[in-house]
């Protein structure tokens, strides 16, 4: 399996990064509050998603049944999302190649 280096310095399987990024783009257009909640859970493990966003994220395999984020998903989200609150932006998760 081909791996890629992310901005946070971790290596992840490329196909997982591609699929996760597609899911994140869809979240930004279909359910921005769930996107926000996912980012916040990745940034702070004590954060709890708003209303039914937890179930929404679980149904899309972005949140585990326990309510926690898989470490690989966390790495991708933390590498791809910049900004805070309403100023969050989704960019490339990939580390720049030298």
PDB file of N, CA and C in Angstrom:
ATOM      1  N   UNK A   1       0.821  -1.177   0.000  1.00  0.00           N
ATOM      2  CA  UNK A   1       0.000   0.000   0.000  1.00  0.00           C
ATOM      3  C   UNK A   1       0.872   1.250   0.000  1.00  0.00           C
ATOM      4  N   UNK A   2       0.483   2.189  -0.811  1.00  0.00           N
ATOM      5  CA  UNK A   2       1.229   3.440  -0.909  1.00  0.00           C
ATOM      6  C   UNK A   2       0.853   4.346   0.259  1.00  0.00           C
ATOM      7  N   UNK A   3       1.865   4.914   0.892  1.00  0.00           N
ATOM      8  CA  UNK A   3       1.613   5.851   1.984  1.00  0.00           C
ATOM      9  C   UNK A   3       2.057   7.248   1.565  1.00  0.00           C
ATOM     10  N   UNK A   4       1.497   8.237   2.262  1.00  0.00           N
ATOM     11  CA  UNK A   4       1.841   9.638   2.016  1.00  0.00           C
ATOM     12  C   UNK A   4       2.145  10.293   3.359  1.00  0.00           C
ATOM     13  N   UNK A   5       2.949  11.336   3.320  1.00  0.00           N
ATOM     14  CA  UNK A   5       3.270  12.093   4.524  1.00  0.00           C
ATOM     15  C   UNK A   5       2.330  13.283   4.621  1.00  0.00           C
ATOM     16  N   UNK A   6       1.761  13.448   5.806  1.00  0.00           N
ATOM     17  CA  UNK A   6       0.826  14.539   6.046  1.00  0.00           C
ATOM     18  C   UNK A   6       1.534  15.724   6.705  1.00  0.00           C
ATOM     19  N   UNK A   7       0.860  16.842   6.735  1.00  0.00           N
ATOM     20  CA  UNK A   7       1.437  18.062   7.310  1.00  0.00           C
ATOM     21  C   UNK A   7       1.811  17.911   8.775  1.00  0.00           C
ATOM     22  N   UNK A   8       1.118  17.037   9.508  1.00  0.00           N
ATOM     23  CA  UNK A   8       1.455  16.854  10.922  1.00  0.00           C
ATOM     24  C   UNK A   8       2.603  15.865  11.116  1.00  0.00           C
ATOM     25  N   UNK A   9       3.215  15.431  10.014  1.00  0.00           N
ATOM     26  CA  UNK A   9       4.392  14.570  10.087  1.00  0.00           C
ATOM     27  C   UNK A   9       4.098  13.083  10.107  1.00  0.00           C
ATOM     28  N   UNK A  10       2.845  12.684  10.135  1.00  0.00           N
ATOM     29  CA  UNK A  10       2.500  11.263  10.157  1.00  0.00           C
ATOM     30  C   UNK A  10       2.408  10.728   8.738  1.00  0.00           C
ATOM     31  N   UNK A  11       2.470   9.408   8.626  1.00  0.00           N
ATOM     32  CA  UNK A  11       2.273   8.745   7.337  1.00  0.00           C
ATOM     33  C   UNK A  11       0.981   7.960   7.392  1.00  0.00           C
ATOM     34  N   UNK A  12       0.182   8.085   6.328  1.00  0.00           N
ATOM     35  CA  UNK A  12      -1.088   7.374   6.238  1.00  0.00           C
ATOM     36  C   UNK A  12      -1.215   6.744   4.860  1.00  0.00           C
ATOM     37  N   UNK A  13      -2.063   5.746   4.762  1.00  0.00           N
ATOM     38  CA  UNK A  13      -2.322   5.077   3.489  1.00  0.00           C
ATOM     39  C   UNK A  13      -3.010   6.073   2.556  1.00  0.00           C
ATOM     40  N   UNK A  14      -2.482   6.215   1.353  1.00  0.00           N
ATOM     41  CA  UNK A  14      -2.976   7.226   0.411  1.00  0.00           C
ATOM     42  C   UNK A  14      -4.465   7.071   0.112  1.00  0.00           C
ATOM     43  N   UNK A  15      -4.927   5.850  -0.089  1.00  0.00           N
ATOM     44  CA  UNK A  15      -6.342   5.654  -0.414  1.00  0.00           C
ATOM     45  C   UNK A  15      -7.244   6.118   0.724  1.00  0.00           C
ATOM     46  N   UNK A  16      -6.832   5.940   1.980  1.00  0.00           N
ATOM     47  CA  UNK A  16      -7.608   6.416   3.117  1.00  0.00           C
ATOM     48  C   UNK A  16      -7.652   7.943   3.130  1.00  0.00           C
ATOM     49  N   UNK A  17      -6.546   8.571   2.806  1.00  0.00           N
ATOM     50  CA  UNK A  17      -6.502  10.034   2.757  1.00  0.00           C
ATOM     51  C   UNK A  17      -7.451  10.549   1.677  1.00  0.00           C
ATOM     52  N   UNK A  18      -7.432   9.935   0.514  1.00  0.00           N
ATOM     53  CA  UNK A  18      -8.282  10.376  -0.598  1.00  0.00           C
ATOM     54  C   UNK A  18      -9.761  10.237  -0.231  1.00  0.00           C
ATOM     55  N   UNK A  19     -10.150   9.099   0.318  1.00  0.00           N
ATOM     56  CA  UNK A  19     -11.550   8.864   0.682  1.00  0.00           C
ATOM     57  C   UNK A  19     -11.979   9.801   1.816  1.00  0.00           C
ATOM     58  N   UNK A  20     -11.120  10.000   2.788  1.00  0.00           N
ATOM     59  CA  UNK A  20     -11.449  10.891   3.904  1.00  0.00           C
ATOM     60  C   UNK A  20     -11.602  12.325   3.424  1.00  0.00           C
ATOM     61  N   UNK A  21     -10.739  12.761   2.535  1.00  0.00           N
ATOM     62  CA  UNK A  21     -10.849  14.126   2.006  1.00  0.00           C
ATOM     63  C   UNK A  21     -12.148  14.310   1.234  1.00  0.00           C
ATOM     64  N   UNK A  22     -12.559  13.304   0.500  1.00  0.00           N
ATOM     65  CA  UNK A  22     -13.837  13.368  -0.209  1.00  0.00           C
ATOM     66  C   UNK A  22     -14.982  13.516   0.795  1.00  0.00           C
ATOM     67  N   UNK A  23     -14.931  12.745   1.864  1.00  0.00           N
ATOM     68  CA  UNK A  23     -15.952  12.836   2.904  1.00  0.00           C
ATOM     69  C   UNK A  23     -15.953  14.214   3.557  1.00  0.00           C
ATOM     70  N   UNK A  24     -14.779  14.775   3.804  1.00  0.00           N
ATOM     71  CA  UNK A  24     -14.700  16.102   4.414  1.00  0.00           C
ATOM     72  C   UNK A  24     -15.271  17.175   3.491  1.00  0.00           C
ATOM     73  N   UNK A  25     -14.978  17.071   2.201  1.00  0.00           N
ATOM     74  CA  UNK A  25     -15.544  18.034   1.241  1.00  0.00           C
ATOM     75  C   UNK A  25     -17.068  17.942   1.213  1.00  0.00           C
ATOM     76  N   UNK A  26     -17.585  16.716   1.234  1.00  0.00           N
ATOM     77  CA  UNK A  26     -19.034  16.523   1.258  1.00  0.00           C
ATOM     78  C   UNK A  26     -19.646  17.093   2.534  1.00  0.00           C
ATOM     79  N   UNK A  27     -18.974  16.886   3.656  1.00  0.00           N
ATOM     80  CA  UNK A  27     -19.468  17.428   4.918  1.00  0.00           C
ATOM     81  C   UNK A  27     -19.572  18.950   4.867  1.00  0.00           C
ATOM     82  N   UNK A  28     -18.577  19.579   4.276  1.00  0.00           N
ATOM     83  CA  UNK A  28     -18.573  21.043   4.214  1.00  0.00           C
ATOM     84  C   UNK A  28     -19.759  21.586   3.423  1.00  0.00           C
ATOM     85  N   UNK A  29     -20.237  20.839   2.464  1.00  0.00           N
ATOM     86  CA  UNK A  29     -21.370  21.317   1.668  1.00  0.00           C
ATOM     87  C   UNK A  29     -22.707  20.791   2.184  1.00  0.00           C
ATOM     88  N   UNK A  30     -22.721  19.588   2.754  1.00  0.00           N
ATOM     89  CA  UNK A  30     -23.979  18.961   3.168  1.00  0.00           C
ATOM     90  C   UNK A  30     -24.356  19.214   4.628  1.00  0.00           C
ATOM     91  N   UNK A  31     -23.353  19.323   5.499  1.00  0.00           N
ATOM     92  CA  UNK A  31     -23.636  19.473   6.927  1.00  0.00           C
ATOM     93  C   UNK A  31     -22.452  20.146   7.610  1.00  0.00           C
ATOM     94  N   UNK A  32     -22.403  21.452   7.493  1.00  0.00           N
ATOM     95  CA  UNK A  32     -21.253  22.205   8.004  1.00  0.00           C
ATOM     96  C   UNK A  32     -21.131  22.100   9.527  1.00  0.00           C
ATOM     97  N   UNK A  33     -22.240  21.926  10.246  1.00  0.00           N
ATOM     98  CA  UNK A  33     -22.120  21.784  11.695  1.00  0.00           C
ATOM     99  C   UNK A  33     -21.482  20.448  12.072  1.00  0.00           C
ATOM    100  N   UNK A  34     -21.750  19.401  11.310  1.00  0.00           N
ATOM    101  CA  UNK A  34     -21.096  18.111  11.555  1.00  0.00           C
ATOM    102  C   UNK A  34     -19.610  18.212  11.223  1.00  0.00           C
ATOM    103  N   UNK A  35     -19.273  18.958  10.169  1.00  0.00           N
ATOM    104  CA  UNK A  35     -17.863  19.195   9.833  1.00  0.00           C
ATOM    105  C   UNK A  35     -17.167  19.879  11.013  1.00  0.00           C
ATOM    106  N   UNK A  36     -17.780  20.938  11.523  1.00  0.00           N
ATOM    107  CA  UNK A  36     -17.224  21.668  12.657  1.00  0.00           C
ATOM    108  C   UNK A  36     -17.041  20.728  13.844  1.00  0.00           C
ATOM    109  N   UNK A  37     -18.071  19.931  14.149  1.00  0.00           N
ATOM    110  CA  UNK A  37     -17.984  19.013  15.284  1.00  0.00           C
ATOM    111  C   UNK A  37     -16.861  17.998  15.102  1.00  0.00           C
ATOM    112  N   UNK A  38     -16.699  17.476  13.892  1.00  0.00           N
ATOM    113  CA  UNK A  38     -15.614  16.520  13.643  1.00  0.00           C
ATOM    114  C   UNK A  38     -14.256  17.159  13.897  1.00  0.00           C
ATOM    115  N   UNK A  39     -14.067  18.351  13.394  1.00  0.00           N
ATOM    116  CA  UNK A  39     -12.791  19.052  13.602  1.00  0.00           C
ATOM    117  C   UNK A  39     -12.555  19.270  15.096  1.00  0.00           C
ATOM    118  N   UNK A  40     -13.581  19.689  15.801  1.00  0.00           N
ATOM    119  CA  UNK A  40     -13.430  19.957  17.228  1.00  0.00           C
ATOM    120  C   UNK A  40     -13.129  18.691  18.022  1.00  0.00           C
ATOM    121  N   UNK A  41     -13.754  17.567  17.659  1.00  0.00           N
ATOM    122  CA  UNK A  41     -13.452  16.298  18.331  1.00  0.00           C
ATOM    123  C   UNK A  41     -12.001  15.903  18.059  1.00  0.00           C
ATOM    124  N   UNK A  42     -11.514  16.167  16.846  1.00  0.00           N
ATOM    125  CA  UNK A  42     -10.123  15.856  16.515  1.00  0.00           C
ATOM    126  C   UNK A  42      -9.155  16.733  17.305  1.00  0.00           C
ATOM    127  N   UNK A  43      -9.539  17.957  17.541  1.00  0.00           N
ATOM    128  CA  UNK A  43      -8.679  18.892  18.275  1.00  0.00           C
ATOM    129  C   UNK A  43      -8.758  18.703  19.789  1.00  0.00           C
ATOM    130  N   UNK A  44      -9.903  18.252  20.287  1.00  0.00           N
ATOM    131  CA  UNK A  44     -10.131  18.129  21.732  1.00  0.00           C
ATOM    132  C   UNK A  44     -10.978  16.885  21.995  1.00  0.00           C
ATOM    133  N   UNK A  45     -10.371  15.844  22.522  1.00  0.00           N
ATOM    134  CA  UNK A  45     -11.074  14.576  22.725  1.00  0.00           C
ATOM    135  C   UNK A  45     -12.213  14.684  23.737  1.00  0.00           C
ATOM    136  N   UNK A  46     -12.275  15.762  24.514  1.00  0.00           N
ATOM    137  CA  UNK A  46     -13.366  15.962  25.471  1.00  0.00           C
ATOM    138  C   UNK A  46     -14.568  16.674  24.859  1.00  0.00           C
ATOM    139  N   UNK A  47     -14.437  17.120  23.617  1.00  0.00           N
ATOM    140  CA  UNK A  47     -15.524  17.830  22.934  1.00  0.00           C
ATOM    141  C   UNK A  47     -16.618  16.826  22.549  1.00  0.00           C
ATOM    142  N   UNK A  48     -17.870  17.238  22.657  1.00  0.00           N
ATOM    143  CA  UNK A  48     -18.998  16.379  22.294  1.00  0.00           C
ATOM    144  C   UNK A  48     -19.784  17.015  21.158  1.00  0.00           C
ATOM    145  N   UNK A  49     -20.059  16.260  20.089  1.00  0.00           N
ATOM    146  CA  UNK A  49     -20.807  16.793  18.954  1.00  0.00           C
ATOM    147  C   UNK A  49     -22.192  17.299  19.348  1.00  0.00           C
ATOM    148  N   UNK A  50     -22.655  18.272  18.617  1.00  0.00           N
ATOM    149  CA  UNK A  50     -23.947  18.915  18.820  1.00  0.00           C
ATOM    150  C   UNK A  50     -25.074  17.990  18.362  1.00  0.00           C
ATOM    151  N   UNK A  51     -26.103  17.862  19.180  1.00  0.00           N
ATOM    152  CA  UNK A  51     -27.314  17.091  18.900  1.00  0.00           C
ATOM    153  C   UNK A  51     -27.019  15.759  18.219  1.00  0.00           C
ATOM    154  N   UNK A  52     -27.542  15.542  16.999  1.00  0.00           N
ATOM    155  CA  UNK A  52     -27.384  14.239  16.336  1.00  0.00           C
ATOM    156  C   UNK A  52     -26.182  14.176  15.394  1.00  0.00           C
ATOM    157  N   UNK A  53     -25.288  15.161  15.465  1.00  0.00           N
ATOM    158  CA  UNK A  53     -24.106  15.134  14.593  1.00  0.00           C
ATOM    159  C   UNK A  53     -23.204  13.937  14.868  1.00  0.00           C
ATOM    160  N   UNK A  54     -23.165  13.474  16.102  1.00  0.00           N
ATOM    161  CA  UNK A  54     -22.364  12.295  16.420  1.00  0.00           C
ATOM    162  C   UNK A  54     -22.835  11.081  15.635  1.00  0.00           C
ATOM    163  N   UNK A  55     -24.145  10.867  15.607  1.00  0.00           N
ATOM    164  CA  UNK A  55     -24.703   9.749  14.839  1.00  0.00           C
ATOM    165  C   UNK A  55     -24.458   9.940  13.340  1.00  0.00           C
ATOM    166  N   UNK A  56     -24.581  11.174  12.873  1.00  0.00           N
ATOM    167  CA  UNK A  56     -24.340  11.492  11.458  1.00  0.00           C
ATOM    168  C   UNK A  56     -22.902  11.135  11.078  1.00  0.00           C
ATOM    169  N   UNK A  57     -21.959  11.496  11.935  1.00  0.00           N
ATOM    170  CA  UNK A  57     -20.538  11.204  11.660  1.00  0.00           C
ATOM    171  C   UNK A  57     -20.246   9.716  11.780  1.00  0.00           C
ATOM    172  N   UNK A  58     -20.884   9.037  12.716  1.00  0.00           N
ATOM    173  CA  UNK A  58     -20.702   7.583  12.858  1.00  0.00           C
ATOM    174  C   UNK A  58     -21.214   6.867  11.617  1.00  0.00           C
ATOM    175  N   UNK A  59     -22.339   7.303  11.089  1.00  0.00           N
ATOM    176  CA  UNK A  59     -22.924   6.676   9.896  1.00  0.00           C
ATOM    177  C   UNK A  59     -22.004   6.826   8.686  1.00  0.00           C
ATOM    178  N   UNK A  60     -21.136   7.815   8.702  1.00  0.00           N
ATOM    179  CA  UNK A  60     -20.195   8.048   7.608  1.00  0.00           C
ATOM    180  C   UNK A  60     -18.786   7.555   7.927  1.00  0.00           C
ATOM    181  N   UNK A  61     -18.677   6.778   9.008  1.00  0.00           N
ATOM    182  CA  UNK A  61     -17.417   6.163   9.450  1.00  0.00           C
ATOM    183  C   UNK A  61     -16.330   7.189   9.758  1.00  0.00           C
ATOM    184  N   UNK A  62     -16.730   8.388  10.149  1.00  0.00           N
ATOM    185  CA  UNK A  62     -15.763   9.406  10.537  1.00  0.00           C
ATOM    186  C   UNK A  62     -15.586   9.462  12.049  1.00  0.00           C
ATOM    187  N   UNK A  63     -16.514   8.835  12.755  1.00  0.00           N
ATOM    188  CA  UNK A  63     -16.477   8.751  14.208  1.00  0.00           C
ATOM    189  C   UNK A  63     -16.754   7.300  14.574  1.00  0.00           C
ATOM    190  N   UNK A  64     -16.000   6.780  15.519  1.00  0.00           N
ATOM    191  CA  UNK A  64     -16.207   5.404  15.944  1.00  0.00           C
ATOM    192  C   UNK A  64     -17.437   5.311  16.842  1.00  0.00           C
ATOM    193  N   UNK A  65     -17.943   4.102  17.053  1.00  0.00           N
ATOM    194  CA  UNK A  65     -19.108   3.902  17.908  1.00  0.00           C
ATOM    195  C   UNK A  65     -18.888   4.453  19.317  1.00  0.00           C
ATOM    196  N   UNK A  66     -17.644   4.469  19.758  1.00  0.00           N
ATOM    197  CA  UNK A  66     -17.309   4.982  21.089  1.00  0.00           C
ATOM    198  C   UNK A  66     -17.388   6.502  21.157  1.00  0.00           C
ATOM    199  N   UNK A  67     -17.536   7.141  20.004  1.00  0.00           N
ATOM    200  CA  UNK A  67     -17.549   8.599  19.954  1.00  0.00           C
ATOM    201  C   UNK A  67     -16.175   9.202  19.743  1.00  0.00           C
ATOM    202  N   UNK A  68     -15.176   8.359  19.603  1.00  0.00           N
ATOM    203  CA  UNK A  68     -13.804   8.832  19.386  1.00  0.00           C
ATOM    204  C   UNK A  68     -13.479   8.769  17.895  1.00  0.00           C
ATOM    205  N   UNK A  69     -12.467   9.494  17.519  1.00  0.00           N
ATOM    206  CA  UNK A  69     -12.023   9.519  16.131  1.00  0.00           C
ATOM    207  C   UNK A  69     -10.835   8.579  15.984  1.00  0.00           C
ATOM    208  N   UNK A  70     -10.843   7.754  14.950  1.00  0.00           N
ATOM    209  CA  UNK A  70      -9.694   6.889  14.668  1.00  0.00           C
ATOM    210  C   UNK A  70      -8.472   7.776  14.440  1.00  0.00           C
ATOM    211  N   UNK A  71      -7.333   7.329  14.907  1.00  0.00           N
ATOM    212  CA  UNK A  71      -6.105   8.137  14.835  1.00  0.00           C
ATOM    213  C   UNK A  71      -5.761   8.558  13.406  1.00  0.00           C
ATOM    214  N   UNK A  72      -5.989   7.691  12.426  1.00  0.00           N
ATOM    215  CA  UNK A  72      -5.691   8.048  11.036  1.00  0.00           C
ATOM    216  C   UNK A  72      -6.605   9.165  10.540  1.00  0.00           C
ATOM    217  N   UNK A  73      -7.893   9.093  10.888  1.00  0.00           N
ATOM    218  CA  UNK A  73      -8.834  10.150  10.504  1.00  0.00           C
ATOM    219  C   UNK A  73      -8.419  11.456  11.178  1.00  0.00           C
ATOM    220  N   UNK A  74      -8.057  11.376  12.449  1.00  0.00           N
ATOM    221  CA  UNK A  74      -7.608  12.566  13.184  1.00  0.00           C
ATOM    222  C   UNK A  74      -6.401  13.193  12.486  1.00  0.00           C
ATOM    223  N   UNK A  75      -5.436  12.386  12.101  1.00  0.00           N
ATOM    224  CA  UNK A  75      -4.243  12.909  11.424  1.00  0.00           C
ATOM    225  C   UNK A  75      -4.611  13.649  10.140  1.00  0.00           C
ATOM    226  N   UNK A  76      -5.526  13.085   9.390  1.00  0.00           N
ATOM    227  CA  UNK A  76      -5.932  13.691   8.120  1.00  0.00           C
ATOM    228  C   UNK A  76      -6.660  15.009   8.377  1.00  0.00           C
ATOM    229  N   UNK A  77      -7.617  14.996   9.301  1.00  0.00           N
ATOM    230  CA  UNK A  77      -8.379  16.213   9.608  1.00  0.00           C
ATOM    231  C   UNK A  77      -7.457  17.308  10.127  1.00  0.00           C
ATOM    232  N   UNK A  78      -6.601  16.978  11.075  1.00  0.00           N
ATOM    233  CA  UNK A  78      -5.716  17.984  11.646  1.00  0.00           C
ATOM    234  C   UNK A  78      -4.721  18.530  10.625  1.00  0.00           C
ATOM    235  N   UNK A  79      -4.376  17.736   9.636  1.00  0.00           N
ATOM    236  CA  UNK A  79      -3.456  18.182   8.585  1.00  0.00           C
ATOM    237  C   UNK A  79      -4.161  19.009   7.514  1.00  0.00           C
ATOM    238  N   UNK A  80      -5.453  18.797   7.341  1.00  0.00           N
ATOM    239  CA  UNK A  80      -6.181  19.440   6.246  1.00  0.00           C
ATOM    240  C   UNK A  80      -6.933  20.710   6.640  1.00  0.00           C
ATOM    241  N   UNK A  81      -7.316  20.823   7.900  1.00  0.00           N
ATOM    242  CA  UNK A  81      -8.170  21.945   8.316  1.00  0.00           C
ATOM    243  C   UNK A  81      -7.345  22.998   9.045  1.00  0.00           C
ATOM    244  N   UNK A  82      -7.524  24.239   8.617  1.00  0.00           N
ATOM    245  CA  UNK A  82      -6.896  25.377   9.273  1.00  0.00           C
ATOM    246  C   UNK A  82      -7.991  26.342   9.707  1.00  0.00           C
ATOM    247  N   UNK A  83      -7.653  27.206  10.626  1.00  0.00           N
ATOM    248  CA  UNK A  83      -8.591  28.222  11.080  1.00  0.00           C
ATOM    249  C   UNK A  83      -9.473  27.730  12.210  1.00  0.00           C
ATOM    250  N   UNK A  84     -10.289  28.661  12.709  1.00  0.00           N
ATOM    251  CA  UNK A  84     -11.166  28.375  13.833  1.00  0.00           C
ATOM    252  C   UNK A  84     -12.573  28.856  13.547  1.00  0.00           C
ATOM    253  N   UNK A  85     -13.518  28.239  14.229  1.00  0.00           N
ATOM    254  CA  UNK A  85     -14.928  28.629  14.165  1.00  0.00           C
ATOM    255  C   UNK A  85     -15.413  28.776  12.726  1.00  0.00           C
ATOM    256  N   UNK A  86     -15.991  29.907  12.375  1.00  0.00           N
ATOM    257  CA  UNK A  86     -16.530  30.101  11.028  1.00  0.00           C
ATOM    258  C   UNK A  86     -15.434  30.324   9.985  1.00  0.00           C
ATOM    259  N   UNK A  87     -14.206  30.474  10.425  1.00  0.00           N
ATOM    260  CA  UNK A  87     -13.088  30.685   9.504  1.00  0.00           C
ATOM    261  C   UNK A  87     -12.325  29.410   9.186  1.00  0.00           C
ATOM    262  N   UNK A  88     -12.890  28.247   9.484  1.00  0.00           N
ATOM    263  CA  UNK A  88     -12.224  26.981   9.153  1.00  0.00           C
ATOM    264  C   UNK A  88     -12.179  26.807   7.650  1.00  0.00           C
ATOM    265  N   UNK A  89     -11.043  26.340   7.173  1.00  0.00           N
ATOM    266  CA  UNK A  89     -10.874  26.072   5.749  1.00  0.00           C
ATOM    267  C   UNK A  89     -10.295  24.688   5.569  1.00  0.00           C
ATOM    268  N   UNK A  90     -10.706  24.046   4.492  1.00  0.00           N
ATOM    269  CA  UNK A  90     -10.219  22.718   4.147  1.00  0.00           C
ATOM    270  C   UNK A  90      -9.215  22.859   3.021  1.00  0.00           C
ATOM    271  N   UNK A  91      -8.001  22.408   3.273  1.00  0.00           N
ATOM    272  CA  UNK A  91      -6.944  22.467   2.262  1.00  0.00           C
ATOM    273  C   UNK A  91      -6.306  21.103   2.100  1.00  0.00           C
ATOM    274  N   UNK A  92      -5.172  21.089   1.476  1.00  0.00           N
ATOM    275  CA  UNK A  92      -4.443  19.839   1.265  1.00  0.00           C
ATOM    276  C   UNK A  92      -3.852  19.350   2.579  1.00  0.00           C
ATOM    277  N   UNK A  93      -3.973  18.046   2.858  1.00  0.00           N
ATOM    278  CA  UNK A  93      -3.364  17.491   4.067  1.00  0.00           C
ATOM    279  C   UNK A  93      -1.900  17.089   3.880  1.00  0.00           C
ATOM    280  N   UNK A  94      -1.446  17.121   2.630  1.00  0.00           N
ATOM    281  CA  UNK A  94      -0.132  16.588   2.301  1.00  0.00           C
ATOM    282  C   UNK A  94       0.998  17.545   2.681  1.00  0.00           C
ATOM    283  N   UNK A  95       2.065  16.969   3.209  1.00  0.00           N
ATOM    284  CA  UNK A  95       3.257  17.747   3.498  1.00  0.00           C
ATOM    285  C   UNK A  95       3.893  18.157   2.184  1.00  0.00           C
ATOM    286  N   UNK A  96       4.497  19.326   2.172  1.00  0.00           N
ATOM    287  CA  UNK A  96       5.168  19.784   0.959  1.00  0.00           C
ATOM    288  C   UNK A  96       6.415  18.947   0.726  1.00  0.00           C
ATOM    289  N   UNK A  97       6.599  18.589  -0.523  1.00  0.00           N
ATOM    290  CA  UNK A  97       7.768  17.792  -0.882  1.00  0.00           C
ATOM    291  C   UNK A  97       8.959  18.716  -1.081  1.00  0.00           C
ATOM    292  N   UNK A  98      10.122  18.286  -0.597  1.00  0.00           N
ATOM    293  CA  UNK A  98      11.338  19.091  -0.731  1.00  0.00           C
ATOM    294  C   UNK A  98      11.882  19.034  -2.132  1.00  0.00           C
TER     295      UNK A  98
END
